[in-house]
Amino acid sequence: MKLVSWNVNGLRAVLKKDFSEQFARLDADIFSVQETKCQPGEADFAPEGYHSWFNSAEKKGYSGTACWAKQEPLSVHFGIDHPDHPEEGRAITLEYPGFYLVNVYTPNSKDGLARIDYRMKWEDDLREYLMELDKKKPVIYCGDLNVAHEEIDLKNPKTNRGNAGFSDEEREKMTTLLSSGFADTFRELYPDTTGAYSWWSYRFNARKNNAGWRIDYFIVSRRIMDKVKDSRILADEFGSDHCPVLLEIDL
């Protein structure tokens, strides 16, 4: 089974580029996107052979997630079952007989960590949500998680320490999640690989110079890590400030 996750930074924007061709070429069984920035009906994309689901933010042009899947799931759920989180379209869960697929766009802590308190609350509630699912069947958790976990996961860790996405608080929440029965598939398979990034600033020729961050993940219940065949970062795919990430798993 092949799964793809991509922060497209505006679905309508990438549809004006090569997204349709990329989608067909990648041929994922489940294709998850984040930061759709659109409301239902605003993006004309209905690939043949796929079921689709959108979770849009109430605020127009903001956040949003979507999934396309070849196989219809047993159920579809929007959000993370917690009243403290506004409707920002940040999560979609697809339930299949053998697993849950959870597609998430994690809130950014913002400049100066202006939203760090909310981010910490989100992390705790999201982890609780994932652990509850994991009690029933294994979880595949993917998306733009807005954190580079370790120094190896970004080009300039020393100058970025304390910034949004590389604060001690955010990194500790990822450590806590992984210690709760989950595995970062890419880093499990490639523990020493450097220069592997999934997001680059549009400034300072960052992508050309590969001055990036690895903030897009496929995380799985540790008990199915042995089912993972590969976890890759598709840095040659353009169209967004992020690139897609891919998981191959035998479930």
C-alpha atoms as a PDB file:
ATOM      1  CA  MET A   1       0.000   0.000   0.000  1.00  0.00           C
ATOM      2  CA  LYS A   2       1.312   3.429  -0.977  1.00  0.00           C
ATOM      3  CA  LEU A   3       0.395   6.557   0.967  1.00  0.00           C
ATOM      4  CA  VAL A   4       1.334  10.152   0.134  1.00  0.00           C
ATOM      5  CA  SER A   5       1.067  13.283   2.276  1.00  0.00           C
ATOM      6  CA  TRP A   6       1.687  16.834   1.040  1.00  0.00           C
ATOM      7  CA  ASN A   7       1.189  20.347   2.360  1.00  0.00           C
ATOM      8  CA  VAL A   8       0.171  21.951  -0.925  1.00  0.00           C
ATOM      9  CA  ASN A   9       0.009  25.523   0.446  1.00  0.00           C
ATOM     10  CA  GLY A  10      -3.223  26.186  -1.416  1.00  0.00           C
ATOM     11  CA  LEU A  11      -5.034  23.515  -3.418  1.00  0.00           C
ATOM     12  CA  ARG A  12      -6.317  25.981  -5.989  1.00  0.00           C
ATOM     13  CA  ALA A  13      -2.768  27.261  -6.472  1.00  0.00           C
ATOM     14  CA  VAL A  14      -1.227  23.835  -7.124  1.00  0.00           C
ATOM     15  CA  LEU A  15      -4.055  22.871  -9.464  1.00  0.00           C
ATOM     16  CA  LYS A  16      -2.850  25.698 -11.713  1.00  0.00           C
ATOM     17  CA  LYS A  17       0.546  23.975 -11.819  1.00  0.00           C
ATOM     18  CA  ASP A  18       1.230  20.226 -12.271  1.00  0.00           C
ATOM     19  CA  PHE A  19      -0.705  18.793  -9.326  1.00  0.00           C
ATOM     20  CA  SER A  20      -3.074  16.669 -11.418  1.00  0.00           C
ATOM     21  CA  GLU A  21      -0.163  15.061 -13.252  1.00  0.00           C
ATOM     22  CA  GLN A  22       1.792  14.581 -10.025  1.00  0.00           C
ATOM     23  CA  PHE A  23      -1.209  13.031  -8.314  1.00  0.00           C
ATOM     24  CA  ALA A  24      -1.674  10.539 -11.179  1.00  0.00           C
ATOM     25  CA  ARG A  25       2.025   9.712 -11.360  1.00  0.00           C
ATOM     26  CA  LEU A  26       2.386   9.109  -7.631  1.00  0.00           C
ATOM     27  CA  ASP A  27      -0.602   6.723  -7.808  1.00  0.00           C
ATOM     28  CA  ALA A  28      -1.189   6.604  -4.054  1.00  0.00           C
ATOM     29  CA  ASP A  29      -3.795   4.382  -2.457  1.00  0.00           C
ATOM     30  CA  ILE A  30      -4.467   7.260  -0.056  1.00  0.00           C
ATOM     31  CA  PHE A  31      -3.369  10.806  -0.847  1.00  0.00           C
ATOM     32  CA  SER A  32      -3.564  13.289   2.047  1.00  0.00           C
ATOM     33  CA  VAL A  33      -3.045  17.032   1.739  1.00  0.00           C
ATOM     34  CA  GLN A  34      -2.813  19.891   4.187  1.00  0.00           C
ATOM     35  CA  GLU A  35      -3.307  23.655   3.939  1.00  0.00           C
ATOM     36  CA  THR A  36      -5.935  23.401   1.211  1.00  0.00           C
ATOM     37  CA  LYS A  37      -6.983  27.023   1.878  1.00  0.00           C
ATOM     38  CA  CYS A  38     -10.362  26.503   0.235  1.00  0.00           C
ATOM     39  CA  GLN A  39     -14.020  25.870   0.963  1.00  0.00           C
ATOM     40  CA  PRO A  40     -16.072  22.965  -0.469  1.00  0.00           C
ATOM     41  CA  GLY A  41     -16.609  23.410  -4.188  1.00  0.00           C
ATOM     42  CA  GLU A  42     -13.864  26.003  -4.647  1.00  0.00           C
ATOM     43  CA  ALA A  43     -11.312  23.551  -6.063  1.00  0.00           C
ATOM     44  CA  ASP A  44     -12.254  21.490  -9.094  1.00  0.00           C
ATOM     45  CA  PHE A  45     -10.375  18.227  -8.580  1.00  0.00           C
ATOM     46  CA  ALA A  46     -12.149  14.861  -8.696  1.00  0.00           C
ATOM     47  CA  PRO A  47      -9.656  12.203  -9.831  1.00  0.00           C
ATOM     48  CA  GLU A  48     -11.226   9.111 -11.344  1.00  0.00           C
ATOM     49  CA  GLY A  49     -11.220   6.058  -9.122  1.00  0.00           C
ATOM     50  CA  TYR A  50     -10.945   7.975  -5.846  1.00  0.00           C
ATOM     51  CA  HIS A  51     -13.280   8.870  -2.999  1.00  0.00           C
ATOM     52  CA  SER A  52     -12.635  12.318  -1.523  1.00  0.00           C
ATOM     53  CA  TRP A  53     -13.154  14.191   1.760  1.00  0.00           C
ATOM     54  CA  PHE A  54     -12.499  17.811   2.687  1.00  0.00           C
ATOM     55  CA  ASN A  55     -12.301  19.412   6.118  1.00  0.00           C
ATOM     56  CA  SER A  56     -12.256  23.169   5.570  1.00  0.00           C
ATOM     57  CA  ALA A  57     -11.643  25.922   8.088  1.00  0.00           C
ATOM     58  CA  GLU A  58     -14.482  28.307   8.870  1.00  0.00           C
ATOM     59  CA  LYS A  59     -12.075  31.130   8.023  1.00  0.00           C
ATOM     60  CA  LYS A  60     -11.789  31.408   4.241  1.00  0.00           C
ATOM     61  CA  GLY A  61      -8.389  30.899   2.646  1.00  0.00           C
ATOM     62  CA  TYR A  62      -6.955  29.315   5.787  1.00  0.00           C
ATOM     63  CA  SER A  63      -5.737  25.880   6.901  1.00  0.00           C
ATOM     64  CA  GLY A  64      -7.817  22.861   5.740  1.00  0.00           C
ATOM     65  CA  THR A  65      -7.150  19.193   5.012  1.00  0.00           C
ATOM     66  CA  ALA A  66      -8.304  16.740   2.366  1.00  0.00           C
ATOM     67  CA  CYS A  67      -7.960  13.044   1.531  1.00  0.00           C
ATOM     68  CA  TRP A  68      -8.440  10.984  -1.616  1.00  0.00           C
ATOM     69  CA  ALA A  69      -8.603   7.200  -1.314  1.00  0.00           C
ATOM     70  CA  LYS A  70      -9.085   4.389  -3.792  1.00  0.00           C
ATOM     71  CA  GLN A  71     -10.844   2.206  -1.224  1.00  0.00           C
ATOM     72  CA  GLU A  72     -13.845   3.585   0.626  1.00  0.00           C
ATOM     73  CA  PRO A  73     -13.214   3.560   4.393  1.00  0.00           C
ATOM     74  CA  LEU A  74     -15.480   2.096   7.049  1.00  0.00           C
ATOM     75  CA  SER A  75     -15.908   5.586   8.515  1.00  0.00           C
ATOM     76  CA  VAL A  76     -14.666   9.151   8.194  1.00  0.00           C
ATOM     77  CA  HIS A  77     -14.217  11.538  11.092  1.00  0.00           C
ATOM     78  CA  PHE A  78     -13.374  15.254  11.120  1.00  0.00           C
ATOM     79  CA  GLY A  79     -11.435  16.910  13.953  1.00  0.00           C
ATOM     80  CA  ILE A  80      -9.915  15.336  17.065  1.00  0.00           C
ATOM     81  CA  ASP A  81     -12.945  15.086  19.366  1.00  0.00           C
ATOM     82  CA  HIS A  82     -12.105  17.956  21.676  1.00  0.00           C
ATOM     83  CA  PRO A  83     -14.184  21.071  22.385  1.00  0.00           C
ATOM     84  CA  ASP A  84     -11.195  23.341  23.035  1.00  0.00           C
ATOM     85  CA  HIS A  85     -10.168  23.501  19.389  1.00  0.00           C
ATOM     86  CA  PRO A  86     -11.822  25.894  16.930  1.00  0.00           C
ATOM     87  CA  GLU A  87     -12.972  24.630  13.592  1.00  0.00           C
ATOM     88  CA  GLU A  88      -9.814  25.124  11.556  1.00  0.00           C
ATOM     89  CA  GLY A  89     -10.170  22.016   9.383  1.00  0.00           C
ATOM     90  CA  ARG A  90      -7.023  20.464  10.790  1.00  0.00           C
ATOM     91  CA  ALA A  91      -7.749  16.734  10.883  1.00  0.00           C
ATOM     92  CA  ILE A  92      -9.413  13.929   8.937  1.00  0.00           C
ATOM     93  CA  THR A  93      -9.467  10.311  10.112  1.00  0.00           C
ATOM     94  CA  LEU A  94     -10.222   7.439   7.743  1.00  0.00           C
ATOM     95  CA  GLU A  95     -11.012   4.106   9.377  1.00  0.00           C
ATOM     96  CA  TYR A  96     -10.152   0.896   7.527  1.00  0.00           C
ATOM     97  CA  PRO A  97     -10.463  -2.709   8.687  1.00  0.00           C
ATOM     98  CA  GLY A  98      -6.803  -2.915   9.720  1.00  0.00           C
ATOM     99  CA  PHE A  99      -5.820   0.655  10.622  1.00  0.00           C
ATOM    100  CA  TYR A 100      -6.733   4.313  11.052  1.00  0.00           C
ATOM    101  CA  LEU A 101      -5.263   6.958   8.752  1.00  0.00           C
ATOM    102  CA  VAL A 102      -5.085  10.350  10.503  1.00  0.00           C
ATOM    103  CA  ASN A 103      -4.247  13.330   8.271  1.00  0.00           C
ATOM    104  CA  VAL A 104      -3.300  16.437  10.283  1.00  0.00           C
ATOM    105  CA  TYR A 105      -2.192  20.013   9.718  1.00  0.00           C
ATOM    106  CA  THR A 106      -0.662  21.009  13.060  1.00  0.00           C
ATOM    107  CA  PRO A 107      -1.140  24.611  14.245  1.00  0.00           C
ATOM    108  CA  ASN A 108       1.918  26.822  13.795  1.00  0.00           C
ATOM    109  CA  SER A 109       3.256  28.420  16.968  1.00  0.00           C
ATOM    110  CA  LYS A 110       3.776  31.696  15.049  1.00  0.00           C
ATOM    111  CA  ASP A 111       6.576  34.251  15.294  1.00  0.00           C
ATOM    112  CA  GLY A 112       7.727  34.823  18.823  1.00  0.00           C
ATOM    113  CA  LEU A 113       5.866  31.651  19.823  1.00  0.00           C
ATOM    114  CA  ALA A 114       2.721  33.779  20.035  1.00  0.00           C
ATOM    115  CA  ARG A 115       0.508  30.689  19.813  1.00  0.00           C
ATOM    116  CA  ILE A 116       2.679  28.265  21.787  1.00  0.00           C
ATOM    117  CA  ASP A 117       0.155  27.795  24.607  1.00  0.00           C
ATOM    118  CA  TYR A 118      -2.521  26.745  22.143  1.00  0.00           C
ATOM    119  CA  ARG A 119      -0.011  24.549  20.326  1.00  0.00           C
ATOM    120  CA  MET A 120       0.870  22.739  23.561  1.00  0.00           C
ATOM    121  CA  LYS A 121      -2.831  22.131  24.260  1.00  0.00           C
ATOM    122  CA  TRP A 122      -3.285  20.825  20.706  1.00  0.00           C
ATOM    123  CA  GLU A 123      -0.340  18.440  21.085  1.00  0.00           C
ATOM    124  CA  ASP A 124      -1.679  16.980  24.318  1.00  0.00           C
ATOM    125  CA  ASP A 125      -5.198  16.513  22.987  1.00  0.00           C
ATOM    126  CA  LEU A 126      -4.010  15.139  19.652  1.00  0.00           C
ATOM    127  CA  ARG A 127      -1.774  12.610  21.405  1.00  0.00           C
ATOM    128  CA  GLU A 128      -4.726  11.522  23.573  1.00  0.00           C
ATOM    129  CA  TYR A 129      -6.854  11.155  20.432  1.00  0.00           C
ATOM    130  CA  LEU A 130      -4.208   9.035  18.692  1.00  0.00           C
ATOM    131  CA  MET A 131      -3.718   6.844  21.742  1.00  0.00           C
ATOM    132  CA  GLU A 132      -7.447   6.193  21.994  1.00  0.00           C
ATOM    133  CA  LEU A 133      -7.511   5.128  18.345  1.00  0.00           C
ATOM    134  CA  ASP A 134      -4.426   2.995  18.879  1.00  0.00           C
ATOM    135  CA  LYS A 135      -6.244   0.987  21.537  1.00  0.00           C
ATOM    136  CA  LYS A 136      -8.642  -0.209  18.812  1.00  0.00           C
ATOM    137  CA  LYS A 137      -6.334  -0.718  15.831  1.00  0.00           C
ATOM    138  CA  PRO A 138      -2.976   0.567  14.540  1.00  0.00           C
ATOM    139  CA  VAL A 139      -2.633   4.203  13.510  1.00  0.00           C
ATOM    140  CA  ILE A 140      -0.908   5.842  10.551  1.00  0.00           C
ATOM    141  CA  TYR A 141      -0.525   9.533  11.415  1.00  0.00           C
ATOM    142  CA  CYS A 142       0.629  11.865   8.650  1.00  0.00           C
ATOM    143  CA  GLY A 143       0.828  15.505   7.732  1.00  0.00           C
ATOM    144  CA  ASP A 144       2.594  18.796   8.223  1.00  0.00           C
ATOM    145  CA  LEU A 145       3.365  18.550  11.928  1.00  0.00           C
ATOM    146  CA  ASN A 146       5.197  21.897  12.085  1.00  0.00           C
ATOM    147  CA  VAL A 147       8.168  20.628  14.090  1.00  0.00           C
ATOM    148  CA  ALA A 148      11.686  19.544  13.272  1.00  0.00           C
ATOM    149  CA  HIS A 149      12.270  16.984  15.999  1.00  0.00           C
ATOM    150  CA  GLU A 150      16.054  16.775  16.198  1.00  0.00           C
ATOM    151  CA  GLU A 151      18.976  18.908  15.049  1.00  0.00           C
ATOM    152  CA  ILE A 152      19.491  16.527  12.110  1.00  0.00           C
ATOM    153  CA  ASP A 153      16.031  17.534  10.863  1.00  0.00           C
ATOM    154  CA  LEU A 154      16.910  21.084   9.802  1.00  0.00           C
ATOM    155  CA  LYS A 155      19.801  22.822   8.100  1.00  0.00           C
ATOM    156  CA  ASN A 156      20.543  25.474  10.730  1.00  0.00           C
ATOM    157  CA  PRO A 157      19.598  24.148  14.174  1.00  0.00           C
ATOM    158  CA  LYS A 158      21.799  26.484  16.203  1.00  0.00           C
ATOM    159  CA  THR A 159      20.360  29.720  14.813  1.00  0.00           C
ATOM    160  CA  ASN A 160      16.780  28.381  14.805  1.00  0.00           C
ATOM    161  CA  ARG A 161      16.624  27.011  18.331  1.00  0.00           C
ATOM    162  CA  GLY A 162      13.666  28.566  20.110  1.00  0.00           C
ATOM    163  CA  ASN A 163      11.936  29.585  16.902  1.00  0.00           C
ATOM    164  CA  ALA A 164       8.504  28.266  15.929  1.00  0.00           C
ATOM    165  CA  GLY A 165       8.923  24.688  14.748  1.00  0.00           C
ATOM    166  CA  PHE A 166      12.170  24.178  16.652  1.00  0.00           C
ATOM    167  CA  SER A 167      11.332  25.303  20.158  1.00  0.00           C
ATOM    168  CA  ASP A 168      12.216  23.044  23.068  1.00  0.00           C
ATOM    169  CA  GLU A 169       8.526  22.800  23.929  1.00  0.00           C
ATOM    170  CA  GLU A 170       7.461  21.562  20.494  1.00  0.00           C
ATOM    171  CA  ARG A 171      10.330  19.114  20.237  1.00  0.00           C
ATOM    172  CA  GLU A 172       9.532  17.698  23.670  1.00  0.00           C
ATOM    173  CA  LYS A 173       5.924  17.090  22.627  1.00  0.00           C
ATOM    174  CA  MET A 174       7.164  15.061  19.657  1.00  0.00           C
ATOM    175  CA  THR A 175       9.456  13.083  21.950  1.00  0.00           C
ATOM    176  CA  THR A 176       6.504  12.396  24.243  1.00  0.00           C
ATOM    177  CA  LEU A 177       4.363  11.206  21.349  1.00  0.00           C
ATOM    178  CA  LEU A 178       7.048   8.850  20.065  1.00  0.00           C
ATOM    179  CA  SER A 179       7.570   7.456  23.566  1.00  0.00           C
ATOM    180  CA  SER A 180       3.828   6.705  23.723  1.00  0.00           C
ATOM    181  CA  GLY A 181       3.997   3.797  21.290  1.00  0.00           C
ATOM    182  CA  PHE A 182       4.614   5.518  17.946  1.00  0.00           C
ATOM    183  CA  ALA A 183       7.482   5.573  15.452  1.00  0.00           C
ATOM    184  CA  ASP A 184       8.787   8.243  13.052  1.00  0.00           C
ATOM    185  CA  THR A 185       9.047   6.032   9.972  1.00  0.00           C
ATOM    186  CA  PHE A 186      11.641   8.042   8.051  1.00  0.00           C
ATOM    187  CA  ARG A 187      14.027   8.417  10.968  1.00  0.00           C
ATOM    188  CA  GLU A 188      13.576   4.778  11.992  1.00  0.00           C
ATOM    189  CA  LEU A 189      14.679   3.659   8.527  1.00  0.00           C
ATOM    190  CA  TYR A 190      17.277   6.364   7.933  1.00  0.00           C
ATOM    191  CA  PRO A 191      18.628   7.333  11.370  1.00  0.00           C
ATOM    192  CA  ASP A 192      21.768   9.063  10.106  1.00  0.00           C
ATOM    193  CA  THR A 193      20.571  10.628   6.848  1.00  0.00           C
ATOM    194  CA  THR A 194      21.309  14.334   6.709  1.00  0.00           C
ATOM    195  CA  GLY A 195      20.023  16.971   4.304  1.00  0.00           C
ATOM    196  CA  ALA A 196      16.597  15.304   4.126  1.00  0.00           C
ATOM    197  CA  TYR A 197      14.049  18.105   4.289  1.00  0.00           C
ATOM    198  CA  SER A 198      10.411  18.586   3.300  1.00  0.00           C
ATOM    199  CA  TRP A 199       9.958  22.361   3.665  1.00  0.00           C
ATOM    200  CA  TRP A 200      12.000  25.321   2.498  1.00  0.00           C
ATOM    201  CA  SER A 201      11.398  29.031   2.953  1.00  0.00           C
ATOM    202  CA  TYR A 202      10.617  30.959  -0.199  1.00  0.00           C
ATOM    203  CA  ARG A 203      13.350  33.417   0.849  1.00  0.00           C
ATOM    204  CA  PHE A 204      17.115  33.365   0.338  1.00  0.00           C
ATOM    205  CA  ASN A 205      17.084  30.623  -2.332  1.00  0.00           C
ATOM    206  CA  ALA A 206      16.483  28.165   0.493  1.00  0.00           C
ATOM    207  CA  ARG A 207      15.294  25.304  -1.691  1.00  0.00           C
ATOM    208  CA  LYS A 208      18.071  25.747  -4.231  1.00  0.00           C
ATOM    209  CA  ASN A 209      20.577  25.639  -1.364  1.00  0.00           C
ATOM    210  CA  ASN A 210      18.662  22.870   0.454  1.00  0.00           C
ATOM    211  CA  ALA A 211      18.433  24.997   3.595  1.00  0.00           C
ATOM    212  CA  GLY A 212      15.301  23.251   4.769  1.00  0.00           C
ATOM    213  CA  TRP A 213      13.395  21.581   7.581  1.00  0.00           C
ATOM    214  CA  ARG A 214      11.883  18.097   7.887  1.00  0.00           C
ATOM    215  CA  ILE A 215       8.438  18.901   9.304  1.00  0.00           C
ATOM    216  CA  ASP A 216       6.237  16.522   7.249  1.00  0.00           C
ATOM    217  CA  TYR A 217       5.916  13.023   8.637  1.00  0.00           C
ATOM    218  CA  PHE A 218       4.475   9.555   8.475  1.00  0.00           C
ATOM    219  CA  ILE A 219       4.260   8.274  12.047  1.00  0.00           C
ATOM    220  CA  VAL A 220       2.872   4.806  12.785  1.00  0.00           C
ATOM    221  CA  SER A 221       1.962   2.706  15.781  1.00  0.00           C
ATOM    222  CA  ARG A 222       5.262   1.114  16.747  1.00  0.00           C
ATOM    223  CA  ARG A 223       3.774  -2.367  16.611  1.00  0.00           C
ATOM    224  CA  ILE A 224       3.386  -2.053  12.822  1.00  0.00           C
ATOM    225  CA  MET A 225       6.779  -0.469  12.155  1.00  0.00           C
ATOM    226  CA  ASP A 226       7.950  -3.872  10.897  1.00  0.00           C
ATOM    227  CA  LYS A 227       5.277  -3.611   8.168  1.00  0.00           C
ATOM    228  CA  VAL A 228       6.846  -0.424   6.764  1.00  0.00           C
ATOM    229  CA  LYS A 229       8.663  -1.085   3.490  1.00  0.00           C
ATOM    230  CA  ASP A 230       9.902   2.455   2.880  1.00  0.00           C
ATOM    231  CA  SER A 231       9.411   6.064   3.947  1.00  0.00           C
ATOM    232  CA  ARG A 232      10.676   8.698   1.542  1.00  0.00           C
ATOM    233  CA  ILE A 233      10.834  12.444   1.046  1.00  0.00           C
ATOM    234  CA  LEU A 234      10.005  13.324  -2.561  1.00  0.00           C
ATOM    235  CA  ALA A 235      12.150  16.442  -2.826  1.00  0.00           C
ATOM    236  CA  ASP A 236      12.044  16.428  -6.634  1.00  0.00           C
ATOM    237  CA  GLU A 237       8.301  17.189  -6.616  1.00  0.00           C
ATOM    238  CA  PHE A 238       7.646  20.930  -6.881  1.00  0.00           C
ATOM    239  CA  GLY A 239       4.575  23.150  -6.655  1.00  0.00           C
ATOM    240  CA  SER A 240       4.572  24.137  -2.979  1.00  0.00           C
ATOM    241  CA  ASP A 241       7.075  25.299  -0.367  1.00  0.00           C
ATOM    242  CA  HIS A 242       6.733  21.728   0.935  1.00  0.00           C
ATOM    243  CA  CYS A 243       7.378  18.519  -0.974  1.00  0.00           C
ATOM    244  CA  PRO A 244       5.368  15.304  -0.600  1.00  0.00           C
ATOM    245  CA  VAL A 245       6.360  12.471   1.700  1.00  0.00           C
ATOM    246  CA  LEU A 246       5.599   8.854   0.899  1.00  0.00           C
ATOM    247  CA  LEU A 247       5.015   5.701   2.932  1.00  0.00           C
ATOM    248  CA  GLU A 248       4.994   2.165   1.595  1.00  0.00           C
ATOM    249  CA  ILE A 249       3.528  -0.291   4.084  1.00  0.00           C
ATOM    250  CA  ASP A 250       2.249  -3.857   3.898  1.00  0.00           C
ATOM    251  CA  LEU A 251      -0.972  -4.032   5.888  1.00  0.00           C
END
